Amino acid sequence: MGLSSISSLILIQESVPPSQRGSATASNMFARNIGNTLGAAILGAVLNYGLHRDGVGVSSDRLQRLLSGEAHAAADDLGPILHQSLH
């Protein structure tokens, strides 16, 4: 993504007159930020819907232990649950 985002930014800046480069750059950055924000929100909503739909109770404490690396055994049963909830 890093290479394509810089390339697209330069392409956008070169396709507008010099007096509009600031606006074009700001529009590009705004669109990227909105995309990142909405993308994370939508993915979180899909994950929560999948967990709720399957009726699997995954507590925040359990997820916290998985993320901190404390419970390796929890990863064995949580991995498939999280995977299934995204599908």
C-alpha atoms as a PDB file:
ATOM      1  CA  MET A   1       0.000   0.000   0.000  1.00  0.00           C
ATOM      2  CA  GLY A   2       2.838   2.406   0.727  1.00  0.00           C
ATOM      3  CA  LEU A   3       4.180   2.323  -2.802  1.00  0.00           C
ATOM      4  CA  SER A   4       0.753   2.667  -4.417  1.00  0.00           C
ATOM      5  CA  SER A   5      -0.384   5.491  -2.115  1.00  0.00           C
ATOM      6  CA  ILE A   6       2.691   7.601  -2.863  1.00  0.00           C
ATOM      7  CA  SER A   7       2.390   6.860  -6.573  1.00  0.00           C
ATOM      8  CA  SER A   8      -1.276   7.818  -6.633  1.00  0.00           C
ATOM      9  CA  LEU A   9      -0.566  11.005  -4.702  1.00  0.00           C
ATOM     10  CA  ILE A  10       2.094  12.059  -7.201  1.00  0.00           C
ATOM     11  CA  LEU A  11      -0.218  11.147 -10.086  1.00  0.00           C
ATOM     12  CA  ILE A  12      -2.984  13.290  -8.589  1.00  0.00           C
ATOM     13  CA  GLN A  13      -0.638  16.215  -7.995  1.00  0.00           C
ATOM     14  CA  GLU A  14       0.694  16.051 -11.548  1.00  0.00           C
ATOM     15  CA  SER A  15      -2.775  15.914 -13.094  1.00  0.00           C
ATOM     16  CA  VAL A  16      -3.933  19.263 -11.655  1.00  0.00           C
ATOM     17  CA  PRO A  17      -2.593  22.770 -12.178  1.00  0.00           C
ATOM     18  CA  PRO A  18      -0.034  23.995  -9.601  1.00  0.00           C
ATOM     19  CA  SER A  19      -2.606  26.333  -8.052  1.00  0.00           C
ATOM     20  CA  GLN A  20      -4.844  23.353  -7.141  1.00  0.00           C
ATOM     21  CA  ARG A  21      -2.214  20.935  -5.826  1.00  0.00           C
ATOM     22  CA  GLY A  22      -2.967  21.691  -2.193  1.00  0.00           C
ATOM     23  CA  SER A  23      -6.673  21.013  -2.676  1.00  0.00           C
ATOM     24  CA  ALA A  24      -5.987  17.828  -4.626  1.00  0.00           C
ATOM     25  CA  THR A  25      -3.572  16.572  -1.968  1.00  0.00           C
ATOM     26  CA  ALA A  26      -6.011  17.408   0.836  1.00  0.00           C
ATOM     27  CA  SER A  27      -8.856  15.649  -0.993  1.00  0.00           C
ATOM     28  CA  ASN A  28      -6.711  12.550  -1.463  1.00  0.00           C
ATOM     29  CA  MET A  29      -5.693  12.466   2.195  1.00  0.00           C
ATOM     30  CA  PHE A  30      -9.276  13.078   3.328  1.00  0.00           C
ATOM     31  CA  ALA A  31     -10.548  10.212   1.176  1.00  0.00           C
ATOM     32  CA  ARG A  32      -7.851   7.883   2.554  1.00  0.00           C
ATOM     33  CA  ASN A  33      -8.708   8.798   6.155  1.00  0.00           C
ATOM     34  CA  ILE A  34     -12.433   8.310   5.597  1.00  0.00           C
ATOM     35  CA  GLY A  35     -11.731   4.971   3.920  1.00  0.00           C
ATOM     36  CA  ASN A  36      -9.591   3.826   6.843  1.00  0.00           C
ATOM     37  CA  THR A  37     -12.201   4.895   9.375  1.00  0.00           C
ATOM     38  CA  LEU A  38     -15.153   3.335   7.592  1.00  0.00           C
ATOM     39  CA  GLY A  39     -13.201   0.203   6.731  1.00  0.00           C
ATOM     40  CA  ALA A  40     -12.309  -0.458  10.368  1.00  0.00           C
ATOM     41  CA  ALA A  41     -15.880   0.256  11.491  1.00  0.00           C
ATOM     42  CA  ILE A  42     -17.402  -2.027   8.864  1.00  0.00           C
ATOM     43  CA  LEU A  43     -14.968  -4.851   9.614  1.00  0.00           C
ATOM     44  CA  GLY A  44     -15.725  -4.530  13.320  1.00  0.00           C
ATOM     45  CA  ALA A  45     -19.454  -4.617  12.626  1.00  0.00           C
ATOM     46  CA  VAL A  46     -19.091  -7.732  10.462  1.00  0.00           C
ATOM     47  CA  LEU A  47     -17.003  -9.450  13.143  1.00  0.00           C
ATOM     48  CA  ASN A  48     -19.493  -8.567  15.897  1.00  0.00           C
ATOM     49  CA  TYR A  49     -22.427  -9.713  13.766  1.00  0.00           C
ATOM     50  CA  GLY A  50     -20.685 -13.006  13.037  1.00  0.00           C
ATOM     51  CA  LEU A  51     -19.968 -13.623  16.709  1.00  0.00           C
ATOM     52  CA  HIS A  52     -23.535 -12.735  17.677  1.00  0.00           C
ATOM     53  CA  ARG A  53     -25.089 -14.784  14.843  1.00  0.00           C
ATOM     54  CA  ASP A  54     -23.233 -17.952  15.819  1.00  0.00           C
ATOM     55  CA  GLY A  55     -24.135 -17.492  19.471  1.00  0.00           C
ATOM     56  CA  VAL A  56     -20.521 -17.834  20.555  1.00  0.00           C
ATOM     57  CA  GLY A  57     -19.688 -16.070  23.774  1.00  0.00           C
ATOM     58  CA  VAL A  58     -16.254 -14.519  23.499  1.00  0.00           C
ATOM     59  CA  SER A  59     -15.572 -12.305  26.473  1.00  0.00           C
ATOM     60  CA  SER A  60     -13.353  -9.259  26.336  1.00  0.00           C
ATOM     61  CA  ASP A  61     -11.100 -10.817  28.990  1.00  0.00           C
ATOM     62  CA  ARG A  62     -10.555 -13.846  26.789  1.00  0.00           C
ATOM     63  CA  LEU A  63      -9.683 -11.687  23.787  1.00  0.00           C
ATOM     64  CA  GLN A  64      -7.358  -9.561  25.939  1.00  0.00           C
ATOM     65  CA  ARG A  65      -5.465 -12.666  27.085  1.00  0.00           C
ATOM     66  CA  LEU A  66      -5.187 -13.822  23.485  1.00  0.00           C
ATOM     67  CA  LEU A  67      -3.841 -10.468  22.321  1.00  0.00           C
ATOM     68  CA  SER A  68      -1.363 -10.201  25.183  1.00  0.00           C
ATOM     69  CA  GLY A  69      -0.006 -13.682  24.485  1.00  0.00           C
ATOM     70  CA  GLU A  70      -0.785 -15.026  27.961  1.00  0.00           C
ATOM     71  CA  ALA A  71      -3.008 -17.888  26.916  1.00  0.00           C
ATOM     72  CA  HIS A  72      -1.643 -19.927  24.033  1.00  0.00           C
ATOM     73  CA  ALA A  73      -4.230 -22.628  24.604  1.00  0.00           C
ATOM     74  CA  ALA A  74      -6.992 -20.053  24.152  1.00  0.00           C
ATOM     75  CA  ALA A  75      -5.666 -19.309  20.665  1.00  0.00           C
ATOM     76  CA  ASP A  76      -6.416 -22.876  19.581  1.00  0.00           C
ATOM     77  CA  ASP A  77     -10.145 -22.553  20.154  1.00  0.00           C
ATOM     78  CA  LEU A  78     -10.557 -18.802  19.574  1.00  0.00           C
ATOM     79  CA  GLY A  79      -8.827 -18.755  16.185  1.00  0.00           C
ATOM     80  CA  PRO A  80     -11.480 -20.855  14.396  1.00  0.00           C
ATOM     81  CA  ILE A  81     -14.273 -18.932  16.142  1.00  0.00           C
ATOM     82  CA  LEU A  82     -12.950 -15.569  14.951  1.00  0.00           C
ATOM     83  CA  HIS A  83     -12.252 -16.981  11.498  1.00  0.00           C
ATOM     84  CA  GLN A  84     -15.794 -18.332  11.170  1.00  0.00           C
ATOM     85  CA  SER A  85     -17.347 -15.077  12.377  1.00  0.00           C
ATOM     86  CA  LEU A  86     -15.695 -13.180   9.487  1.00  0.00           C
ATOM     87  CA  HIS A  87     -17.042 -15.626   6.935  1.00  0.00           C
END
